[in-house]
Amino acid sequence: MTTVTIAVRYFAAARAAAGVEEEKVQLPAGASVADAVAELARLHPASLPRLLEAVSYLLDGIAVRDLTRPLHDGAELDVLPPFAGG
């Protein structure tokens, strides 16, 4: 089976919940951002699933609105928690 490997970078509360700043995640070829999110929840079941419902994602530096967007090998997925401010 062909796979893609992506780099996932966590920021702020997402970093604390994941317990790592960055990790490589391997997914089946044709996987989407939603598939990556499901895998992140599986990898960090104690702390990350609830936070993943409220975060924003950047794929290769571009905001992701459609989680069905396909991933390519070497992609960078940033996990950004909601930011407070004003």
C-alpha atoms as a PDB file:
ATOM      1  CA  MET A   1       0.000   0.000   0.000  1.00  0.00           C
ATOM      2  CA  THR A   2       1.268   3.444  -0.880  1.00  0.00           C
ATOM      3  CA  THR A   3       1.443   5.988   1.920  1.00  0.00           C
ATOM      4  CA  VAL A   4       2.065   9.682   2.479  1.00  0.00           C
ATOM      5  CA  THR A   5       4.046  11.085   5.368  1.00  0.00           C
ATOM      6  CA  ILE A   6       3.121  14.501   6.699  1.00  0.00           C
ATOM      7  CA  ALA A   7       4.662  16.749   9.343  1.00  0.00           C
ATOM      8  CA  VAL A   8       2.192  17.876  11.991  1.00  0.00           C
ATOM      9  CA  ARG A   9       3.123  20.949  14.010  1.00  0.00           C
ATOM     10  CA  TYR A  10       1.236  21.817  17.185  1.00  0.00           C
ATOM     11  CA  PHE A  11       0.917  25.298  18.645  1.00  0.00           C
ATOM     12  CA  ALA A  12      -0.015  26.643  22.104  1.00  0.00           C
ATOM     13  CA  ALA A  13      -2.682  24.512  23.831  1.00  0.00           C
ATOM     14  CA  ALA A  14      -2.525  21.934  21.031  1.00  0.00           C
ATOM     15  CA  ARG A  15       1.193  21.471  21.745  1.00  0.00           C
ATOM     16  CA  ALA A  16       0.466  20.970  25.431  1.00  0.00           C
ATOM     17  CA  ALA A  17      -2.311  18.473  24.666  1.00  0.00           C
ATOM     18  CA  ALA A  18      -0.213  16.470  22.204  1.00  0.00           C
ATOM     19  CA  GLY A  19       2.873  16.581  24.388  1.00  0.00           C
ATOM     20  CA  VAL A  20       5.081  17.214  21.363  1.00  0.00           C
ATOM     21  CA  GLU A  21       5.888  20.204  19.197  1.00  0.00           C
ATOM     22  CA  GLU A  22       5.999  18.282  15.934  1.00  0.00           C
ATOM     23  CA  GLU A  23       5.596  14.728  14.712  1.00  0.00           C
ATOM     24  CA  LYS A  24       5.584  12.771  11.479  1.00  0.00           C
ATOM     25  CA  VAL A  25       2.377  10.919  10.675  1.00  0.00           C
ATOM     26  CA  GLN A  26       2.039   8.254   8.014  1.00  0.00           C
ATOM     27  CA  LEU A  27      -1.318   7.856   6.269  1.00  0.00           C
ATOM     28  CA  PRO A  28      -2.638   5.886   3.298  1.00  0.00           C
ATOM     29  CA  ALA A  29      -2.245   7.534  -0.103  1.00  0.00           C
ATOM     30  CA  GLY A  30      -5.287   9.640  -0.888  1.00  0.00           C
ATOM     31  CA  ALA A  31      -5.823  10.537   2.774  1.00  0.00           C
ATOM     32  CA  SER A  32      -7.521  13.836   3.560  1.00  0.00           C
ATOM     33  CA  VAL A  33      -7.062  16.402   6.302  1.00  0.00           C
ATOM     34  CA  ALA A  34     -10.024  14.736   8.068  1.00  0.00           C
ATOM     35  CA  ASP A  35      -8.160  11.409   7.965  1.00  0.00           C
ATOM     36  CA  ALA A  36      -5.117  13.080   9.506  1.00  0.00           C
ATOM     37  CA  VAL A  37      -7.269  14.615  12.251  1.00  0.00           C
ATOM     38  CA  ALA A  38      -8.737  11.183  13.048  1.00  0.00           C
ATOM     39  CA  GLU A  39      -5.231   9.725  13.252  1.00  0.00           C
ATOM     40  CA  LEU A  40      -4.087  12.527  15.583  1.00  0.00           C
ATOM     41  CA  ALA A  41      -7.037  11.789  17.875  1.00  0.00           C
ATOM     42  CA  ARG A  42      -6.084   8.101  17.829  1.00  0.00           C
ATOM     43  CA  LEU A  43      -2.432   8.856  18.611  1.00  0.00           C
ATOM     44  CA  HIS A  44      -3.271  11.145  21.554  1.00  0.00           C
ATOM     45  CA  PRO A  45      -6.598   9.819  22.917  1.00  0.00           C
ATOM     46  CA  ALA A  46      -6.335  11.228  26.422  1.00  0.00           C
ATOM     47  CA  SER A  47      -5.898  14.875  25.594  1.00  0.00           C
ATOM     48  CA  LEU A  48      -6.290  15.823  21.957  1.00  0.00           C
ATOM     49  CA  PRO A  49      -9.695  14.664  20.594  1.00  0.00           C
ATOM     50  CA  ARG A  50     -11.793  17.315  22.345  1.00  0.00           C
ATOM     51  CA  LEU A  51      -9.369  20.098  21.369  1.00  0.00           C
ATOM     52  CA  LEU A  52      -9.355  18.951  17.733  1.00  0.00           C
ATOM     53  CA  GLU A  53     -13.046  19.875  17.508  1.00  0.00           C
ATOM     54  CA  ALA A  54     -12.218  23.565  18.050  1.00  0.00           C
ATOM     55  CA  VAL A  55      -8.882  24.089  16.312  1.00  0.00           C
ATOM     56  CA  SER A  56      -7.986  25.568  12.942  1.00  0.00           C
ATOM     57  CA  TYR A  57      -5.641  23.941  10.466  1.00  0.00           C
ATOM     58  CA  LEU A  58      -3.089  25.256   8.016  1.00  0.00           C
ATOM     59  CA  LEU A  59      -1.956  22.978   5.213  1.00  0.00           C
ATOM     60  CA  ASP A  60       1.364  24.123   3.812  1.00  0.00           C
ATOM     61  CA  GLY A  61       0.675  27.560   5.302  1.00  0.00           C
ATOM     62  CA  ILE A  62      -2.838  27.954   3.862  1.00  0.00           C
ATOM     63  CA  ALA A  63      -5.989  27.883   6.005  1.00  0.00           C
ATOM     64  CA  VAL A  64      -8.027  24.716   5.547  1.00  0.00           C
ATOM     65  CA  ARG A  65     -11.797  25.153   5.406  1.00  0.00           C
ATOM     66  CA  ASP A  66     -12.550  21.851   3.656  1.00  0.00           C
ATOM     67  CA  LEU A  67     -11.313  18.873   5.680  1.00  0.00           C
ATOM     68  CA  THR A  68     -11.783  16.605   2.662  1.00  0.00           C
ATOM     69  CA  ARG A  69      -8.785  18.300   1.061  1.00  0.00           C
ATOM     70  CA  PRO A  70      -6.262  15.619   0.064  1.00  0.00           C
ATOM     71  CA  LEU A  71      -2.799  15.443   1.577  1.00  0.00           C
ATOM     72  CA  HIS A  72       0.409  14.993  -0.394  1.00  0.00           C
ATOM     73  CA  ASP A  73       3.625  13.383   0.733  1.00  0.00           C
ATOM     74  CA  GLY A  74       5.718  15.899   2.665  1.00  0.00           C
ATOM     75  CA  ALA A  75       2.795  18.191   3.510  1.00  0.00           C
ATOM     76  CA  GLU A  76       2.910  20.314   6.670  1.00  0.00           C
ATOM     77  CA  LEU A  77      -0.247  20.420   8.759  1.00  0.00           C
ATOM     78  CA  ASP A  78      -0.330  23.045  11.517  1.00  0.00           C
ATOM     79  CA  VAL A  79      -2.786  22.619  14.401  1.00  0.00           C
ATOM     80  CA  LEU A  80      -3.779  26.013  15.815  1.00  0.00           C
ATOM     81  CA  PRO A  81      -6.041  26.216  18.872  1.00  0.00           C
ATOM     82  CA  PRO A  82      -8.561  29.026  19.178  1.00  0.00           C
ATOM     83  CA  PHE A  83      -6.853  32.214  20.250  1.00  0.00           C
ATOM     84  CA  ALA A  84      -8.348  34.623  22.732  1.00  0.00           C
ATOM     85  CA  GLY A  85      -7.788  38.286  22.267  1.00  0.00           C
ATOM     86  CA  GLY A  86      -9.287  41.523  21.292  1.00  0.00           C
END
